Amino acid sequence: MNIKLSLISLMASMSLCASAISVTTTPGNLASQVGENIGETALTVKGEINAADFEFIANKMTLLTTLDLSDAVIVAYSGSPVLLGRTNYQANAIPEYALAGSKIQSITLPDGLQIIEDGAFSSTQLSSITIPESVKEIGLGAFSNCDELVEVVIPTTVGNLGSHAFIDCDKLTKISLGVSKINASTFARCKSLNNVSANSLIEIGESAFAGCTALESFTFAPTLKVIGNSAFQGSGLKSIDFTNTESLDAIGAWAFAQCSALTTVVMNNNTSKIGEGAFFDDASLVSFNMPLACTAVPSYIFKGNTSIDTTNMLTHNVTSIGKYALIDLNHITSFTLPNSLQYI
């Protein structure tokens, strides 16, 4: 029995070894170097490659799960249409949608890489990714729908993180990033995301963390100025503290709407603009203080919040109260309107 098991183990080991290939190539010649080994599951590439080589990997090496490009250099391409029918691709860039929908589970990127283009790894089986510090740009939807992706570290060198870059990454739990702006829907519906480190943010874009139900806390950077529409709508936030975010000027419409676990919001007094429905349907919200700089109570802001304490809801600077702003506050027996109020 032991001999039989040993033979099976040896055969399995030989099979795994046989599934890997390493090649050294020149631009556009990867196909000839791989030859008949297109059924391999692991590929190490050395030398120079271009967009035509990525097309070969995508269309011919369909069983590939591991790709090592650490010793490869991506050069510019100009010629016949490849991949999405483009005839020109820049150097030091993973072409757009190059490996989208492939079986890739692990990839090592070259140190000189500068750009990960739109959709480059969308809908792959990547479980983790190390992004080189040479990368300056991550395109739209670059890692969208990567259902197995768990953790990502985005270096401070990345100046542009595209919208929808990590949308619908169901298992993504932890991200660390040094960008100043998170674009629209970048991490939307990442339902396992519960750890975000972002200490240099100036702007959080529309729906950036919408639907992140596991996100119970978020440290807002002192540099933050703008929170976009629906930025945290439907998230799992339990409390919000803007005490140290004195630069925060604007909170967009529906920014924290439908956060069912949200109980406490501590505003700083410098925020002058709060969009309609910003805290709409936050049924557990109890504590909120209106910033002194905010003179308008926007429409729908507290609609559906049946437990909120109204003591600090209206400041002496409030001049207007929008439609449905305070509807459903059935627990209130008395309410004092400020002398500054001009419009309801």
C-alpha atoms as a PDB file:
ATOM      1  CA  MET A   1       0.000   0.000   0.000  1.00  0.00           C
ATOM      2  CA  ASN A   2       2.848   2.400   0.917  1.00  0.00           C
ATOM      3  CA  ILE A   3       4.633   1.626  -2.369  1.00  0.00           C
ATOM      4  CA  LYS A   4       1.440   2.363  -4.273  1.00  0.00           C
ATOM      5  CA  LEU A   5       0.960   5.658  -2.487  1.00  0.00           C
ATOM      6  CA  SER A   6       4.584   6.591  -3.111  1.00  0.00           C
ATOM      7  CA  LEU A   7       4.203   5.909  -6.812  1.00  0.00           C
ATOM      8  CA  ILE A   8       1.046   8.025  -6.962  1.00  0.00           C
ATOM      9  CA  SER A   9       2.813  10.856  -5.120  1.00  0.00           C
ATOM     10  CA  LEU A  10       5.804  10.622  -7.479  1.00  0.00           C
ATOM     11  CA  MET A  11       3.577  10.694 -10.546  1.00  0.00           C
ATOM     12  CA  ALA A  12       1.689  13.699  -9.189  1.00  0.00           C
ATOM     13  CA  SER A  13       4.969  15.469  -8.506  1.00  0.00           C
ATOM     14  CA  MET A  14       6.216  14.729 -12.021  1.00  0.00           C
ATOM     15  CA  SER A  15       2.934  15.991 -13.418  1.00  0.00           C
ATOM     16  CA  LEU A  16       3.299  19.283 -11.530  1.00  0.00           C
ATOM     17  CA  CYS A  17       6.868  19.707 -12.736  1.00  0.00           C
ATOM     18  CA  ALA A  18       5.820  19.000 -16.286  1.00  0.00           C
ATOM     19  CA  SER A  19       3.189  21.739 -16.136  1.00  0.00           C
ATOM     20  CA  ALA A  20       5.739  24.566 -15.796  1.00  0.00           C
ATOM     21  CA  ILE A  21       7.836  26.171 -18.511  1.00  0.00           C
ATOM     22  CA  SER A  22      10.446  28.946 -18.576  1.00  0.00           C
ATOM     23  CA  VAL A  23      11.345  30.789 -21.786  1.00  0.00           C
ATOM     24  CA  THR A  24      13.548  33.656 -22.910  1.00  0.00           C
ATOM     25  CA  THR A  25      12.078  35.627 -25.767  1.00  0.00           C
ATOM     26  CA  THR A  26      12.132  38.737 -27.912  1.00  0.00           C
ATOM     27  CA  PRO A  27       9.109  40.970 -28.683  1.00  0.00           C
ATOM     28  CA  GLY A  28       6.370  39.121 -30.558  1.00  0.00           C
ATOM     29  CA  ASN A  29       8.134  35.753 -30.476  1.00  0.00           C
ATOM     30  CA  LEU A  30       6.697  34.194 -27.315  1.00  0.00           C
ATOM     31  CA  ALA A  31       4.521  31.813 -29.348  1.00  0.00           C
ATOM     32  CA  SER A  32       7.527  30.305 -31.104  1.00  0.00           C
ATOM     33  CA  GLN A  33       9.418  29.930 -27.809  1.00  0.00           C
ATOM     34  CA  VAL A  34       6.514  28.183 -26.077  1.00  0.00           C
ATOM     35  CA  GLY A  35       5.930  25.969 -29.107  1.00  0.00           C
ATOM     36  CA  GLU A  36       3.767  22.955 -28.366  1.00  0.00           C
ATOM     37  CA  ASN A  37       3.732  23.677 -24.623  1.00  0.00           C
ATOM     38  CA  ILE A  38       0.600  25.831 -24.762  1.00  0.00           C
ATOM     39  CA  GLY A  39      -1.136  23.537 -22.276  1.00  0.00           C
ATOM     40  CA  GLU A  40       1.207  24.451 -19.425  1.00  0.00           C
ATOM     41  CA  THR A  41      -0.235  25.929 -16.239  1.00  0.00           C
ATOM     42  CA  ALA A  42       2.856  27.877 -15.128  1.00  0.00           C
ATOM     43  CA  LEU A  43       4.957  30.165 -17.316  1.00  0.00           C
ATOM     44  CA  THR A  44       8.093  32.184 -16.538  1.00  0.00           C
ATOM     45  CA  VAL A  45       9.036  34.759 -19.160  1.00  0.00           C
ATOM     46  CA  LYS A  46      12.416  36.415 -19.498  1.00  0.00           C
ATOM     47  CA  GLY A  47      13.416  39.006 -22.053  1.00  0.00           C
ATOM     48  CA  GLU A  48      11.253  41.506 -23.914  1.00  0.00           C
ATOM     49  CA  ILE A  49       7.544  41.037 -24.663  1.00  0.00           C
ATOM     50  CA  ASN A  50       4.816  43.158 -26.197  1.00  0.00           C
ATOM     51  CA  ALA A  51       1.033  43.245 -26.681  1.00  0.00           C
ATOM     52  CA  ALA A  52       1.177  40.479 -29.299  1.00  0.00           C
ATOM     53  CA  ASP A  53       2.701  38.175 -26.701  1.00  0.00           C
ATOM     54  CA  PHE A  54      -0.096  38.991 -24.248  1.00  0.00           C
ATOM     55  CA  GLU A  55      -2.598  38.112 -26.959  1.00  0.00           C
ATOM     56  CA  PHE A  56      -0.884  34.736 -27.384  1.00  0.00           C
ATOM     57  CA  ILE A  57      -1.077  34.084 -23.639  1.00  0.00           C
ATOM     58  CA  ALA A  58      -4.736  35.097 -23.480  1.00  0.00           C
ATOM     59  CA  ASN A  59      -5.936  33.166 -26.519  1.00  0.00           C
ATOM     60  CA  LYS A  60      -3.662  30.108 -26.608  1.00  0.00           C
ATOM     61  CA  MET A  61      -2.437  29.384 -23.094  1.00  0.00           C
ATOM     62  CA  THR A  62      -5.929  29.056 -21.672  1.00  0.00           C
ATOM     63  CA  LEU A  63      -4.904  26.671 -18.854  1.00  0.00           C
ATOM     64  CA  LEU A  64      -2.305  29.075 -17.446  1.00  0.00           C
ATOM     65  CA  THR A  65      -2.714  29.802 -13.725  1.00  0.00           C
ATOM     66  CA  THR A  66       0.747  31.126 -12.787  1.00  0.00           C
ATOM     67  CA  LEU A  67       2.640  33.808 -14.693  1.00  0.00           C
ATOM     68  CA  ASP A  68       6.054  35.153 -13.665  1.00  0.00           C
ATOM     69  CA  LEU A  69       7.098  38.345 -15.466  1.00  0.00           C
ATOM     70  CA  SER A  70       9.666  39.456 -12.890  1.00  0.00           C
ATOM     71  CA  ASP A  71      12.521  39.207 -15.413  1.00  0.00           C
ATOM     72  CA  ALA A  72      10.512  40.475 -18.381  1.00  0.00           C
ATOM     73  CA  VAL A  73      10.398  43.933 -19.947  1.00  0.00           C
ATOM     74  CA  ILE A  74       7.234  45.101 -21.676  1.00  0.00           C
ATOM     75  CA  VAL A  75       8.068  47.104 -24.799  1.00  0.00           C
ATOM     76  CA  ALA A  76       5.869  49.210 -27.065  1.00  0.00           C
ATOM     77  CA  TYR A  77       3.895  47.590 -29.869  1.00  0.00           C
ATOM     78  CA  SER A  78       2.957  48.901 -33.296  1.00  0.00           C
ATOM     79  CA  GLY A  79       1.582  46.655 -36.016  1.00  0.00           C
ATOM     80  CA  SER A  80      -1.414  44.513 -36.922  1.00  0.00           C
ATOM     81  CA  PRO A  81      -4.478  44.685 -34.637  1.00  0.00           C
ATOM     82  CA  VAL A  82      -4.123  42.580 -31.470  1.00  0.00           C
ATOM     83  CA  LEU A  83      -6.147  42.026 -28.296  1.00  0.00           C
ATOM     84  CA  LEU A  84      -8.976  44.584 -28.609  1.00  0.00           C
ATOM     85  CA  GLY A  85      -8.085  45.432 -32.174  1.00  0.00           C
ATOM     86  CA  ARG A  86      -5.677  48.194 -31.291  1.00  0.00           C
ATOM     87  CA  THR A  87      -2.558  48.658 -33.393  1.00  0.00           C
ATOM     88  CA  ASN A  88      -0.475  50.556 -30.843  1.00  0.00           C
ATOM     89  CA  TYR A  89       0.366  49.764 -27.218  1.00  0.00           C
ATOM     90  CA  GLN A  90       2.721  51.637 -24.935  1.00  0.00           C
ATOM     91  CA  ALA A  91       5.779  50.278 -23.151  1.00  0.00           C
ATOM     92  CA  ASN A  92       5.843  49.290 -19.477  1.00  0.00           C
ATOM     93  CA  ALA A  93       2.104  48.689 -19.425  1.00  0.00           C
ATOM     94  CA  ILE A  94      -0.142  45.644 -19.019  1.00  0.00           C
ATOM     95  CA  PRO A  95      -2.477  46.117 -22.032  1.00  0.00           C
ATOM     96  CA  GLU A  96      -6.161  46.718 -21.398  1.00  0.00           C
ATOM     97  CA  TYR A  97      -8.139  43.522 -20.805  1.00  0.00           C
ATOM     98  CA  ALA A  98      -4.960  41.541 -21.577  1.00  0.00           C
ATOM     99  CA  LEU A  99      -5.733  38.738 -19.119  1.00  0.00           C
ATOM    100  CA  ALA A 100      -9.389  39.488 -18.354  1.00  0.00           C
ATOM    101  CA  GLY A 101     -11.435  36.351 -17.704  1.00  0.00           C
ATOM    102  CA  SER A 102      -8.384  34.101 -17.734  1.00  0.00           C
ATOM    103  CA  LYS A 103      -7.579  31.393 -15.159  1.00  0.00           C
ATOM    104  CA  ILE A 104      -4.622  33.326 -13.777  1.00  0.00           C
ATOM    105  CA  GLN A 105      -4.325  32.807 -10.012  1.00  0.00           C
ATOM    106  CA  SER A 106      -0.847  34.214  -9.426  1.00  0.00           C
ATOM    107  CA  ILE A 107       1.205  36.772 -11.303  1.00  0.00           C
ATOM    108  CA  THR A 108       4.550  38.434 -10.578  1.00  0.00           C
ATOM    109  CA  LEU A 109       4.793  41.809 -12.277  1.00  0.00           C
ATOM    110  CA  PRO A 110       8.031  43.358 -13.603  1.00  0.00           C
ATOM    111  CA  ASP A 111       9.659  46.037 -11.454  1.00  0.00           C
ATOM    112  CA  GLY A 112       9.662  48.584 -14.268  1.00  0.00           C
ATOM    113  CA  LEU A 113       5.912  48.398 -14.831  1.00  0.00           C
ATOM    114  CA  GLN A 114       4.264  51.823 -14.889  1.00  0.00           C
ATOM    115  CA  ILE A 115       0.660  51.272 -15.980  1.00  0.00           C
ATOM    116  CA  ILE A 116      -1.982  48.593 -15.448  1.00  0.00           C
ATOM    117  CA  GLU A 117      -4.524  49.441 -18.108  1.00  0.00           C
ATOM    118  CA  ASP A 118      -8.322  49.193 -18.014  1.00  0.00           C
ATOM    119  CA  GLY A 119      -9.692  45.761 -17.165  1.00  0.00           C
ATOM    120  CA  ALA A 120      -6.260  44.128 -17.360  1.00  0.00           C
ATOM    121  CA  PHE A 121      -7.017  41.492 -14.703  1.00  0.00           C
ATOM    122  CA  SER A 122     -10.791  41.749 -14.568  1.00  0.00           C
ATOM    123  CA  SER A 123     -12.648  38.555 -13.606  1.00  0.00           C
ATOM    124  CA  THR A 124      -9.474  36.530 -12.991  1.00  0.00           C
ATOM    125  CA  GLN A 125      -8.864  34.181 -10.046  1.00  0.00           C
ATOM    126  CA  LEU A 126      -6.051  36.225  -8.485  1.00  0.00           C
ATOM    127  CA  SER A 127      -5.912  35.722  -4.718  1.00  0.00           C
ATOM    128  CA  SER A 128      -3.270  38.382  -4.066  1.00  0.00           C
ATOM    129  CA  ILE A 129      -1.299  40.913  -6.046  1.00  0.00           C
ATOM    130  CA  THR A 130       1.906  42.832  -5.321  1.00  0.00           C
ATOM    131  CA  ILE A 131       1.949  46.048  -7.276  1.00  0.00           C
ATOM    132  CA  PRO A 132       5.491  47.333  -7.935  1.00  0.00           C
ATOM    133  CA  GLU A 133       6.386  50.797  -6.669  1.00  0.00           C
ATOM    134  CA  SER A 134       7.143  51.789 -10.251  1.00  0.00           C
ATOM    135  CA  VAL A 135       3.405  51.706 -11.094  1.00  0.00           C
ATOM    136  CA  LYS A 136       1.885  55.161 -11.544  1.00  0.00           C
ATOM    137  CA  GLU A 137      -1.567  54.342 -12.870  1.00  0.00           C
ATOM    138  CA  ILE A 138      -4.196  51.628 -12.409  1.00  0.00           C
ATOM    139  CA  GLY A 139      -6.947  51.762 -14.998  1.00  0.00           C
ATOM    140  CA  LEU A 140     -10.714  51.556 -14.903  1.00  0.00           C
ATOM    141  CA  GLY A 141     -11.959  48.167 -13.680  1.00  0.00           C
ATOM    142  CA  ALA A 142      -8.424  46.777 -13.689  1.00  0.00           C
ATOM    143  CA  PHE A 143      -9.171  44.207 -10.946  1.00  0.00           C
ATOM    144  CA  SER A 144     -12.956  44.244 -11.031  1.00  0.00           C
ATOM    145  CA  ASN A 145     -14.828  41.023 -10.255  1.00  0.00           C
ATOM    146  CA  CYS A 146     -11.714  39.249  -8.955  1.00  0.00           C
ATOM    147  CA  ASP A 147     -13.706  36.997  -6.629  1.00  0.00           C
ATOM    148  CA  GLU A 148     -10.666  35.373  -4.962  1.00  0.00           C
ATOM    149  CA  LEU A 149      -8.668  38.556  -4.298  1.00  0.00           C
ATOM    150  CA  VAL A 150      -8.128  38.994  -0.538  1.00  0.00           C
ATOM    151  CA  GLU A 151      -5.529  41.719   0.045  1.00  0.00           C
ATOM    152  CA  VAL A 152      -4.036  44.572  -1.977  1.00  0.00           C
ATOM    153  CA  VAL A 153      -1.282  47.063  -1.215  1.00  0.00           C
ATOM    154  CA  ILE A 154      -1.347  50.022  -3.570  1.00  0.00           C
ATOM    155  CA  PRO A 155       1.968  51.932  -3.420  1.00  0.00           C
ATOM    156  CA  THR A 156       2.140  55.683  -2.931  1.00  0.00           C
ATOM    157  CA  THR A 157       3.556  56.005  -6.452  1.00  0.00           C
ATOM    158  CA  VAL A 158       0.091  55.332  -7.906  1.00  0.00           C
ATOM    159  CA  GLY A 159      -1.258  58.775  -8.730  1.00  0.00           C
ATOM    160  CA  ASN A 160      -4.360  57.633 -10.590  1.00  0.00           C
ATOM    161  CA  LEU A 161      -6.539  54.807  -9.322  1.00  0.00           C
ATOM    162  CA  GLY A 162      -9.270  54.271 -11.905  1.00  0.00           C
ATOM    163  CA  SER A 163     -12.973  54.099 -11.171  1.00  0.00           C
ATOM    164  CA  HIS A 164     -14.430  50.617 -10.586  1.00  0.00           C
ATOM    165  CA  ALA A 165     -10.859  49.328 -10.185  1.00  0.00           C
ATOM    166  CA  PHE A 166     -11.808  46.766  -7.511  1.00  0.00           C
ATOM    167  CA  ILE A 167     -15.586  46.709  -7.730  1.00  0.00           C
ATOM    168  CA  ASP A 168     -17.293  43.429  -6.808  1.00  0.00           C
ATOM    169  CA  CYS A 169     -14.192  41.753  -5.359  1.00  0.00           C
ATOM    170  CA  ASP A 170     -16.212  39.594  -2.964  1.00  0.00           C
ATOM    171  CA  LYS A 171     -13.340  38.302  -0.784  1.00  0.00           C
ATOM    172  CA  LEU A 172     -11.256  41.471  -0.625  1.00  0.00           C
ATOM    173  CA  THR A 173     -10.812  42.216   3.082  1.00  0.00           C
ATOM    174  CA  LYS A 174      -7.853  44.579   3.331  1.00  0.00           C
ATOM    175  CA  ILE A 175      -6.515  47.475   1.296  1.00  0.00           C
ATOM    176  CA  SER A 176      -3.709  49.933   1.882  1.00  0.00           C
ATOM    177  CA  LEU A 177      -3.312  52.898  -0.410  1.00  0.00           C
ATOM    178  CA  GLY A 178      -1.544  56.238  -0.558  1.00  0.00           C
ATOM    179  CA  VAL A 179      -3.522  57.960  -3.314  1.00  0.00           C
ATOM    180  CA  SER A 180      -5.110  61.367  -2.754  1.00  0.00           C
ATOM    181  CA  LYS A 181      -8.351  60.495  -4.560  1.00  0.00           C
ATOM    182  CA  ILE A 182     -10.513  57.394  -4.713  1.00  0.00           C
ATOM    183  CA  ASN A 183     -12.587  57.537  -7.880  1.00  0.00           C
ATOM    184  CA  ALA A 184     -16.178  56.453  -8.476  1.00  0.00           C
ATOM    185  CA  SER A 185     -17.153  52.936  -7.342  1.00  0.00           C
ATOM    186  CA  THR A 186     -13.519  51.921  -6.862  1.00  0.00           C
ATOM    187  CA  PHE A 187     -14.326  49.471  -4.045  1.00  0.00           C
ATOM    188  CA  ALA A 188     -18.104  49.328  -4.391  1.00  0.00           C
ATOM    189  CA  ARG A 189     -19.825  46.107  -3.309  1.00  0.00           C
ATOM    190  CA  CYS A 190     -16.643  44.600  -1.859  1.00  0.00           C
ATOM    191  CA  LYS A 191     -18.800  42.919   0.751  1.00  0.00           C
ATOM    192  CA  SER A 192     -15.906  41.459   2.819  1.00  0.00           C
ATOM    193  CA  LEU A 193     -13.843  44.655   3.004  1.00  0.00           C
ATOM    194  CA  ASN A 194     -13.265  45.545   6.661  1.00  0.00           C
ATOM    195  CA  ASN A 195      -9.798  47.096   6.808  1.00  0.00           C
ATOM    196  CA  VAL A 196      -8.903  50.259   4.896  1.00  0.00           C
ATOM    197  CA  SER A 197      -5.724  52.261   5.368  1.00  0.00           C
ATOM    198  CA  ALA A 198      -5.788  55.558   3.471  1.00  0.00           C
ATOM    199  CA  ASN A 199      -3.980  58.381   5.235  1.00  0.00           C
ATOM    200  CA  SER A 200      -3.533  60.865   2.392  1.00  0.00           C
ATOM    201  CA  LEU A 201      -7.022  61.162   0.957  1.00  0.00           C
ATOM    202  CA  ILE A 202      -8.321  64.497  -0.277  1.00  0.00           C
ATOM    203  CA  GLU A 203     -11.399  63.191  -2.050  1.00  0.00           C
ATOM    204  CA  ILE A 204     -13.566  60.069  -1.818  1.00  0.00           C
ATOM    205  CA  GLY A 205     -15.524  59.672  -5.029  1.00  0.00           C
ATOM    206  CA  GLU A 206     -19.091  58.742  -5.791  1.00  0.00           C
ATOM    207  CA  SER A 207     -20.116  55.275  -4.514  1.00  0.00           C
ATOM    208  CA  ALA A 208     -16.463  54.523  -3.693  1.00  0.00           C
ATOM    209  CA  PHE A 209     -17.368  52.205  -0.792  1.00  0.00           C
ATOM    210  CA  ALA A 210     -21.088  51.748  -1.449  1.00  0.00           C
ATOM    211  CA  GLY A 211     -22.359  48.329  -0.436  1.00  0.00           C
ATOM    212  CA  CYS A 212     -19.277  47.457   1.630  1.00  0.00           C
ATOM    213  CA  THR A 213     -21.390  45.814   4.327  1.00  0.00           C
ATOM    214  CA  ALA A 214     -18.439  44.512   6.387  1.00  0.00           C
ATOM    215  CA  LEU A 215     -16.843  47.960   6.636  1.00  0.00           C
ATOM    216  CA  GLU A 216     -17.715  48.876  10.245  1.00  0.00           C
ATOM    217  CA  SER A 217     -15.172  51.658  10.751  1.00  0.00           C
ATOM    218  CA  PHE A 218     -13.224  54.120   8.632  1.00  0.00           C
ATOM    219  CA  THR A 219     -10.515  56.575   9.667  1.00  0.00           C
ATOM    220  CA  PHE A 220     -11.044  59.781   7.729  1.00  0.00           C
ATOM    221  CA  ALA A 221      -7.749  61.485   6.877  1.00  0.00           C
ATOM    222  CA  PRO A 222      -7.131  65.043   8.174  1.00  0.00           C
ATOM    223  CA  THR A 223      -6.486  66.050   4.556  1.00  0.00           C
ATOM    224  CA  LEU A 224      -9.967  65.014   3.371  1.00  0.00           C
ATOM    225  CA  LYS A 225     -11.971  67.777   1.655  1.00  0.00           C
ATOM    226  CA  VAL A 226     -14.788  66.060  -0.252  1.00  0.00           C
ATOM    227  CA  ILE A 227     -16.949  62.962   0.194  1.00  0.00           C
ATOM    228  CA  GLY A 228     -18.880  62.199  -2.991  1.00  0.00           C
ATOM    229  CA  ASN A 229     -22.474  61.176  -3.589  1.00  0.00           C
ATOM    230  CA  SER A 230     -23.392  57.755  -2.148  1.00  0.00           C
ATOM    231  CA  ALA A 231     -19.755  57.226  -1.148  1.00  0.00           C
ATOM    232  CA  PHE A 232     -20.620  54.924   1.780  1.00  0.00           C
ATOM    233  CA  GLN A 233     -24.270  54.204   1.007  1.00  0.00           C
ATOM    234  CA  GLY A 234     -25.368  50.837   2.366  1.00  0.00           C
ATOM    235  CA  SER A 235     -22.052  50.238   4.118  1.00  0.00           C
ATOM    236  CA  GLY A 236     -21.617  48.665   7.569  1.00  0.00           C
ATOM    237  CA  LEU A 237     -20.298  51.776   9.331  1.00  0.00           C
ATOM    238  CA  LYS A 238     -21.237  51.931  13.021  1.00  0.00           C
ATOM    239  CA  SER A 239     -19.874  55.361  13.859  1.00  0.00           C
ATOM    240  CA  ILE A 240     -18.379  58.348  12.064  1.00  0.00           C
ATOM    241  CA  ASP A 241     -15.937  60.847  13.561  1.00  0.00           C
ATOM    242  CA  PHE A 242     -14.966  63.955  11.596  1.00  0.00           C
ATOM    243  CA  THR A 243     -13.350  65.684  14.595  1.00  0.00           C
ATOM    244  CA  ASN A 244      -9.874  65.698  13.029  1.00  0.00           C
ATOM    245  CA  THR A 245     -11.086  66.327   9.497  1.00  0.00           C
ATOM    246  CA  GLU A 246     -11.207  70.109   9.667  1.00  0.00           C
ATOM    247  CA  SER A 247     -10.611  70.455   5.924  1.00  0.00           C
ATOM    248  CA  LEU A 248     -13.806  68.569   5.069  1.00  0.00           C
ATOM    249  CA  ASP A 249     -15.979  71.042   3.196  1.00  0.00           C
ATOM    250  CA  ALA A 250     -18.607  68.920   1.450  1.00  0.00           C
ATOM    251  CA  ILE A 251     -20.516  65.676   1.966  1.00  0.00           C
ATOM    252  CA  GLY A 252     -22.417  64.514  -1.112  1.00  0.00           C
ATOM    253  CA  ALA A 253     -26.020  63.423  -1.514  1.00  0.00           C
ATOM    254  CA  TRP A 254     -26.898  60.044   0.008  1.00  0.00           C
ATOM    255  CA  ALA A 255     -23.258  59.700   1.126  1.00  0.00           C
ATOM    256  CA  PHE A 256     -24.119  57.684   4.245  1.00  0.00           C
ATOM    257  CA  ALA A 257     -27.682  56.695   3.415  1.00  0.00           C
ATOM    258  CA  GLN A 258     -29.051  53.286   4.410  1.00  0.00           C
ATOM    259  CA  CYS A 259     -26.214  52.538   6.829  1.00  0.00           C
ATOM    260  CA  SER A 260     -28.404  50.447   9.095  1.00  0.00           C
ATOM    261  CA  ALA A 261     -25.755  49.988  11.834  1.00  0.00           C
ATOM    262  CA  LEU A 262     -24.752  53.665  12.062  1.00  0.00           C
ATOM    263  CA  THR A 263     -25.468  55.069  15.545  1.00  0.00           C
ATOM    264  CA  THR A 264     -23.215  58.110  15.981  1.00  0.00           C
ATOM    265  CA  VAL A 265     -21.971  60.911  13.745  1.00  0.00           C
ATOM    266  CA  VAL A 266     -19.587  63.539  15.130  1.00  0.00           C
ATOM    267  CA  MET A 267     -19.214  66.451  12.723  1.00  0.00           C
ATOM    268  CA  ASN A 268     -16.619  69.205  12.814  1.00  0.00           C
ATOM    269  CA  ASN A 269     -17.931  72.743  12.504  1.00  0.00           C
ATOM    270  CA  ASN A 270     -16.201  73.579   9.202  1.00  0.00           C
ATOM    271  CA  THR A 271     -18.292  71.432   6.865  1.00  0.00           C
ATOM    272  CA  SER A 272     -20.538  73.838   4.965  1.00  0.00           C
ATOM    273  CA  LYS A 273     -22.238  71.591   2.416  1.00  0.00           C
ATOM    274  CA  ILE A 274     -24.241  68.439   3.149  1.00  0.00           C
ATOM    275  CA  GLY A 275     -26.140  66.875   0.252  1.00  0.00           C
ATOM    276  CA  GLU A 276     -29.736  65.719   0.320  1.00  0.00           C
ATOM    277  CA  GLY A 277     -30.410  62.395   1.976  1.00  0.00           C
ATOM    278  CA  ALA A 278     -26.855  62.222   3.339  1.00  0.00           C
ATOM    279  CA  PHE A 279     -28.037  60.202   6.355  1.00  0.00           C
ATOM    280  CA  PHE A 280     -31.316  58.966   4.892  1.00  0.00           C
ATOM    281  CA  ASP A 281     -32.860  55.815   6.369  1.00  0.00           C
ATOM    282  CA  ASP A 282     -30.148  55.299   9.000  1.00  0.00           C
ATOM    283  CA  ALA A 283     -32.614  53.688  11.383  1.00  0.00           C
ATOM    284  CA  SER A 284     -30.120  53.240  14.248  1.00  0.00           C
ATOM    285  CA  LEU A 285     -28.751  56.784  14.174  1.00  0.00           C
ATOM    286  CA  VAL A 286     -29.073  58.387  17.613  1.00  0.00           C
ATOM    287  CA  SER A 287     -26.476  61.153  17.796  1.00  0.00           C
ATOM    288  CA  PHE A 288     -25.691  63.898  15.270  1.00  0.00           C
ATOM    289  CA  ASN A 289     -24.506  67.499  15.525  1.00  0.00           C
ATOM    290  CA  MET A 290     -25.120  69.966  12.718  1.00  0.00           C
ATOM    291  CA  PRO A 291     -21.913  71.870  11.780  1.00  0.00           C
ATOM    292  CA  LEU A 292     -21.969  75.592  12.503  1.00  0.00           C
ATOM    293  CA  ALA A 293     -20.811  76.328   8.953  1.00  0.00           C
ATOM    294  CA  CYS A 294     -23.812  74.498   7.472  1.00  0.00           C
ATOM    295  CA  THR A 295     -26.803  76.836   7.172  1.00  0.00           C
ATOM    296  CA  ALA A 296     -29.118  74.524   5.217  1.00  0.00           C
ATOM    297  CA  VAL A 297     -30.690  71.296   6.480  1.00  0.00           C
ATOM    298  CA  PRO A 298     -30.938  69.390   3.182  1.00  0.00           C
ATOM    299  CA  SER A 299     -33.960  67.483   1.940  1.00  0.00           C
ATOM    300  CA  TYR A 300     -34.369  63.889   3.148  1.00  0.00           C
ATOM    301  CA  ILE A 301     -31.289  64.127   5.380  1.00  0.00           C
ATOM    302  CA  PHE A 302     -32.886  62.383   8.378  1.00  0.00           C
ATOM    303  CA  LYS A 303     -35.920  60.777   6.769  1.00  0.00           C
ATOM    304  CA  GLY A 304     -36.516  57.363   8.323  1.00  0.00           C
ATOM    305  CA  ASN A 305     -34.282  58.001  11.342  1.00  0.00           C
ATOM    306  CA  THR A 306     -36.785  57.389  14.098  1.00  0.00           C
ATOM    307  CA  SER A 307     -34.407  57.444  17.080  1.00  0.00           C
ATOM    308  CA  ILE A 308     -32.194  60.471  16.485  1.00  0.00           C
ATOM    309  CA  ASP A 309     -31.624  62.978  19.282  1.00  0.00           C
ATOM    310  CA  THR A 310     -32.711  66.410  18.050  1.00  0.00           C
ATOM    311  CA  THR A 311     -30.798  68.411  20.673  1.00  0.00           C
ATOM    312  CA  ASN A 312     -27.916  69.389  18.360  1.00  0.00           C
ATOM    313  CA  MET A 313     -29.691  68.907  15.070  1.00  0.00           C
ATOM    314  CA  LEU A 314     -30.299  72.602  14.342  1.00  0.00           C
ATOM    315  CA  THR A 315     -27.723  75.303  15.079  1.00  0.00           C
ATOM    316  CA  HIS A 316     -28.421  79.005  15.493  1.00  0.00           C
ATOM    317  CA  ASN A 317     -27.051  79.486  11.946  1.00  0.00           C
ATOM    318  CA  VAL A 318     -29.610  77.349  10.125  1.00  0.00           C
ATOM    319  CA  THR A 319     -31.623  79.370   7.607  1.00  0.00           C
ATOM    320  CA  SER A 320     -33.537  76.658   5.732  1.00  0.00           C
ATOM    321  CA  ILE A 321     -34.962  73.156   6.179  1.00  0.00           C
ATOM    322  CA  GLY A 322     -35.505  71.114   3.020  1.00  0.00           C
ATOM    323  CA  LYS A 323     -38.395  68.852   2.081  1.00  0.00           C
ATOM    324  CA  TYR A 324     -38.925  65.695   4.130  1.00  0.00           C
ATOM    325  CA  ALA A 325     -35.765  66.545   6.084  1.00  0.00           C
ATOM    326  CA  LEU A 326     -37.239  65.696   9.480  1.00  0.00           C
ATOM    327  CA  ILE A 327     -40.090  63.396   8.557  1.00  0.00           C
ATOM    328  CA  ASP A 328     -40.623  60.156  10.533  1.00  0.00           C
ATOM    329  CA  LEU A 329     -39.196  61.579  13.782  1.00  0.00           C
ATOM    330  CA  ASN A 330     -42.184  60.203  15.642  1.00  0.00           C
ATOM    331  CA  HIS A 331     -40.489  60.223  19.048  1.00  0.00           C
ATOM    332  CA  ILE A 332     -40.281  64.024  19.196  1.00  0.00           C
ATOM    333  CA  THR A 333     -42.718  65.772  21.548  1.00  0.00           C
ATOM    334  CA  SER A 334     -41.300  69.287  21.179  1.00  0.00           C
ATOM    335  CA  PHE A 335     -38.932  71.054  18.831  1.00  0.00           C
ATOM    336  CA  THR A 336     -37.251  74.485  18.952  1.00  0.00           C
ATOM    337  CA  LEU A 337     -36.633  76.277  15.682  1.00  0.00           C
ATOM    338  CA  PRO A 338     -33.710  78.756  15.582  1.00  0.00           C
ATOM    339  CA  ASN A 339     -34.308  82.478  15.106  1.00  0.00           C
ATOM    340  CA  SER A 340     -32.128  82.391  11.996  1.00  0.00           C
ATOM    341  CA  LEU A 341     -34.602  80.154  10.154  1.00  0.00           C
ATOM    342  CA  GLN A 342     -36.008  81.733   6.990  1.00  0.00           C
ATOM    343  CA  TYR A 343     -37.499  78.825   5.047  1.00  0.00           C
ATOM    344  CA  ILE A 344     -39.108  75.459   5.679  1.00  0.00           C
END
